[in-house]
Amino acid sequence: MGRPVAVESFSRTVKEDPKIMYEFKPLQTESLRPSSNAASSKLGPGQYAVPNNNTYKKLMDLQTKFTTNDGKLVWQKMPKDMPLYYLSIGLVVFGTLLSFHALHKLASPPKND
């Protein structure tokens, strides 16, 4: 591959390729372990502590609403998503019509009077 691009590469006094050095640090596994509190010590293998606050409950309700099999698509489940969907459909149609108008204008030469 040649020499790597570095300041030393442009000098004519370089006799050999620079050596690449890697420095690895050992992984600190103590910081990755969860703290042993009373709630997590009662749980068995494969069981985890679940938050008990309103934000988490709202998230779970939202996930339940989106995963229900009611025959609707994702963008049809929430009422606030419908205007955004119709706006994007309208912009796609408008952009397509504008593109066809520009192509027609470019394809037909102007009339010489």
C-alpha atoms as a PDB file:
ATOM      1  CA  MET A   1       0.000   0.000   0.000  1.00  0.00           C
ATOM      2  CA  GLY A   2       2.915   2.329   0.406  1.00  0.00           C
ATOM      3  CA  ARG A   3       3.685   4.779   3.103  1.00  0.00           C
ATOM      4  CA  PRO A   4       0.908   6.374   5.121  1.00  0.00           C
ATOM      5  CA  VAL A   5       0.202  10.036   4.501  1.00  0.00           C
ATOM      6  CA  ALA A   6       1.949  11.922   7.284  1.00  0.00           C
ATOM      7  CA  VAL A   7       4.247  14.924   7.590  1.00  0.00           C
ATOM      8  CA  GLU A   8       7.251  12.627   7.648  1.00  0.00           C
ATOM      9  CA  SER A   9       6.153  11.068   4.351  1.00  0.00           C
ATOM     10  CA  PHE A  10       6.905  14.256   2.412  1.00  0.00           C
ATOM     11  CA  SER A  11      10.411  14.507   3.773  1.00  0.00           C
ATOM     12  CA  ARG A  12      13.224  12.958   1.722  1.00  0.00           C
ATOM     13  CA  THR A  13      15.099  11.862   4.825  1.00  0.00           C
ATOM     14  CA  VAL A  14      12.609   9.133   5.769  1.00  0.00           C
ATOM     15  CA  LYS A  15      14.401   5.819   5.471  1.00  0.00           C
ATOM     16  CA  GLU A  16      11.729   3.417   6.725  1.00  0.00           C
ATOM     17  CA  ASP A  17       7.981   3.236   7.238  1.00  0.00           C
ATOM     18  CA  PRO A  18       6.763   4.504  10.587  1.00  0.00           C
ATOM     19  CA  LYS A  19       5.776   1.781  13.023  1.00  0.00           C
ATOM     20  CA  ILE A  20       2.152   1.520  14.055  1.00  0.00           C
ATOM     21  CA  MET A  21       1.683   1.067  17.776  1.00  0.00           C
ATOM     22  CA  TYR A  22      -1.483   0.001  19.535  1.00  0.00           C
ATOM     23  CA  GLU A  23      -2.124   0.492  23.209  1.00  0.00           C
ATOM     24  CA  PHE A  24      -4.752  -1.735  24.772  1.00  0.00           C
ATOM     25  CA  LYS A  25      -6.177  -1.131  28.199  1.00  0.00           C
ATOM     26  CA  PRO A  26      -7.771  -3.982  30.121  1.00  0.00           C
ATOM     27  CA  LEU A  27     -11.544  -3.822  30.450  1.00  0.00           C
ATOM     28  CA  GLN A  28     -12.718  -2.759  33.881  1.00  0.00           C
ATOM     29  CA  THR A  29     -15.420  -5.342  34.567  1.00  0.00           C
ATOM     30  CA  GLU A  30     -16.153  -4.074  38.071  1.00  0.00           C
ATOM     31  CA  SER A  31     -17.774  -0.928  36.687  1.00  0.00           C
ATOM     32  CA  LEU A  32     -19.997  -2.960  34.347  1.00  0.00           C
ATOM     33  CA  ARG A  33     -21.593  -5.083  37.062  1.00  0.00           C
ATOM     34  CA  PRO A  34     -24.893  -3.776  38.425  1.00  0.00           C
ATOM     35  CA  SER A  35     -24.914  -2.652  42.000  1.00  0.00           C
ATOM     36  CA  SER A  36     -26.181  -5.250  44.418  1.00  0.00           C
ATOM     37  CA  ASN A  37     -29.188  -3.681  46.079  1.00  0.00           C
ATOM     38  CA  ALA A  38     -32.077  -5.410  47.819  1.00  0.00           C
ATOM     39  CA  ALA A  39     -34.415  -5.406  44.786  1.00  0.00           C
ATOM     40  CA  SER A  40     -31.953  -6.975  42.388  1.00  0.00           C
ATOM     41  CA  SER A  41     -30.795  -9.605  44.888  1.00  0.00           C
ATOM     42  CA  LYS A  42     -34.297 -11.134  45.031  1.00  0.00           C
ATOM     43  CA  LEU A  43     -34.388 -11.671  41.272  1.00  0.00           C
ATOM     44  CA  GLY A  44     -33.368 -14.938  39.745  1.00  0.00           C
ATOM     45  CA  PRO A  45     -31.383 -15.524  36.572  1.00  0.00           C
ATOM     46  CA  GLY A  46     -32.961 -13.879  33.532  1.00  0.00           C
ATOM     47  CA  GLN A  47     -35.067 -11.519  35.653  1.00  0.00           C
ATOM     48  CA  TYR A  48     -34.388  -7.806  35.804  1.00  0.00           C
ATOM     49  CA  ALA A  49     -35.659  -4.896  37.836  1.00  0.00           C
ATOM     50  CA  VAL A  50     -38.385  -2.867  36.106  1.00  0.00           C
ATOM     51  CA  PRO A  51     -38.784   0.881  36.730  1.00  0.00           C
ATOM     52  CA  ASN A  52     -41.951   1.927  38.506  1.00  0.00           C
ATOM     53  CA  ASN A  53     -42.616   5.477  37.352  1.00  0.00           C
ATOM     54  CA  ASN A  54     -45.159   7.277  35.156  1.00  0.00           C
ATOM     55  CA  THR A  55     -42.822   7.702  32.188  1.00  0.00           C
ATOM     56  CA  TYR A  56     -42.184   3.983  31.969  1.00  0.00           C
ATOM     57  CA  LYS A  57     -45.907   3.232  32.308  1.00  0.00           C
ATOM     58  CA  LYS A  58     -46.698   5.668  29.465  1.00  0.00           C
ATOM     59  CA  LEU A  59     -44.063   3.971  27.323  1.00  0.00           C
ATOM     60  CA  MET A  60     -45.538   0.551  28.054  1.00  0.00           C
ATOM     61  CA  ASP A  61     -49.052   1.805  27.194  1.00  0.00           C
ATOM     62  CA  LEU A  62     -47.755   3.232  23.928  1.00  0.00           C
ATOM     63  CA  GLN A  63     -46.019  -0.045  23.064  1.00  0.00           C
ATOM     64  CA  THR A  64     -49.212  -1.947  23.858  1.00  0.00           C
ATOM     65  CA  LYS A  65     -51.213   0.385  21.601  1.00  0.00           C
ATOM     66  CA  PHE A  66     -48.792  -0.055  18.689  1.00  0.00           C
ATOM     67  CA  THR A  67     -48.558  -3.844  19.016  1.00  0.00           C
ATOM     68  CA  THR A  68     -52.303  -4.551  19.113  1.00  0.00           C
ATOM     69  CA  ASN A  69     -53.485  -6.449  16.060  1.00  0.00           C
ATOM     70  CA  ASP A  70     -56.407  -4.251  15.013  1.00  0.00           C
ATOM     71  CA  GLY A  71     -55.706  -4.236  11.273  1.00  0.00           C
ATOM     72  CA  LYS A  72     -54.394  -0.666  11.213  1.00  0.00           C
ATOM     73  CA  LEU A  73     -50.962   0.373  10.048  1.00  0.00           C
ATOM     74  CA  VAL A  74     -48.609   2.176  12.424  1.00  0.00           C
ATOM     75  CA  TRP A  75     -49.287   5.610  10.969  1.00  0.00           C
ATOM     76  CA  GLN A  76     -53.048   5.058  11.385  1.00  0.00           C
ATOM     77  CA  LYS A  77     -52.975   4.206  15.106  1.00  0.00           C
ATOM     78  CA  MET A  78     -52.379   7.698  16.524  1.00  0.00           C
ATOM     79  CA  PRO A  79     -54.617  10.623  15.473  1.00  0.00           C
ATOM     80  CA  LYS A  80     -51.681  13.077  15.361  1.00  0.00           C
ATOM     81  CA  ASP A  81     -49.951  10.995  12.685  1.00  0.00           C
ATOM     82  CA  MET A  82     -52.707  11.313  10.085  1.00  0.00           C
ATOM     83  CA  PRO A  83     -52.143  15.010   9.149  1.00  0.00           C
ATOM     84  CA  LEU A  84     -48.412  14.403   8.759  1.00  0.00           C
ATOM     85  CA  TYR A  85     -49.119  11.406   6.541  1.00  0.00           C
ATOM     86  CA  TYR A  86     -51.527  13.346   4.329  1.00  0.00           C
ATOM     87  CA  LEU A  87     -49.114  16.291   4.180  1.00  0.00           C
ATOM     88  CA  SER A  88     -46.313  14.033   2.969  1.00  0.00           C
ATOM     89  CA  ILE A  89     -48.606  12.411   0.372  1.00  0.00           C
ATOM     90  CA  GLY A  90     -49.639  15.874  -0.847  1.00  0.00           C
ATOM     91  CA  LEU A  91     -46.026  17.018  -1.112  1.00  0.00           C
ATOM     92  CA  VAL A  92     -45.119  13.904  -3.106  1.00  0.00           C
ATOM     93  CA  VAL A  93     -47.992  14.500  -5.540  1.00  0.00           C
ATOM     94  CA  PHE A  94     -47.120  18.206  -5.845  1.00  0.00           C
ATOM     95  CA  GLY A  95     -43.442  17.419  -6.457  1.00  0.00           C
ATOM     96  CA  THR A  96     -44.306  14.815  -9.093  1.00  0.00           C
ATOM     97  CA  LEU A  97     -46.598  17.230 -10.935  1.00  0.00           C
ATOM     98  CA  LEU A  98     -43.974  19.964 -10.740  1.00  0.00           C
ATOM     99  CA  SER A  99     -41.371  17.578 -12.174  1.00  0.00           C
ATOM    100  CA  PHE A 100     -43.643  16.625 -15.076  1.00  0.00           C
ATOM    101  CA  HIS A 101     -44.329  20.313 -15.755  1.00  0.00           C
ATOM    102  CA  ALA A 102     -40.591  21.073 -15.812  1.00  0.00           C
ATOM    103  CA  LEU A 103     -39.892  18.110 -18.111  1.00  0.00           C
ATOM    104  CA  HIS A 104     -42.676  19.205 -20.483  1.00  0.00           C
ATOM    105  CA  LYS A 105     -41.344  22.763 -20.512  1.00  0.00           C
ATOM    106  CA  LEU A 106     -37.793  21.556 -21.231  1.00  0.00           C
ATOM    107  CA  ALA A 107     -38.913  19.089 -23.907  1.00  0.00           C
ATOM    108  CA  SER A 108     -40.971  21.576 -25.925  1.00  0.00           C
ATOM    109  CA  PRO A 109     -38.866  24.273 -27.610  1.00  0.00           C
ATOM    110  CA  PRO A 110     -40.086  27.881 -27.504  1.00  0.00           C
ATOM    111  CA  LYS A 111     -41.979  29.149 -30.540  1.00  0.00           C
ATOM    112  CA  ASN A 112     -40.177  31.605 -32.805  1.00  0.00           C
ATOM    113  CA  ASP A 113     -42.439  34.446 -33.929  1.00  0.00           C
END
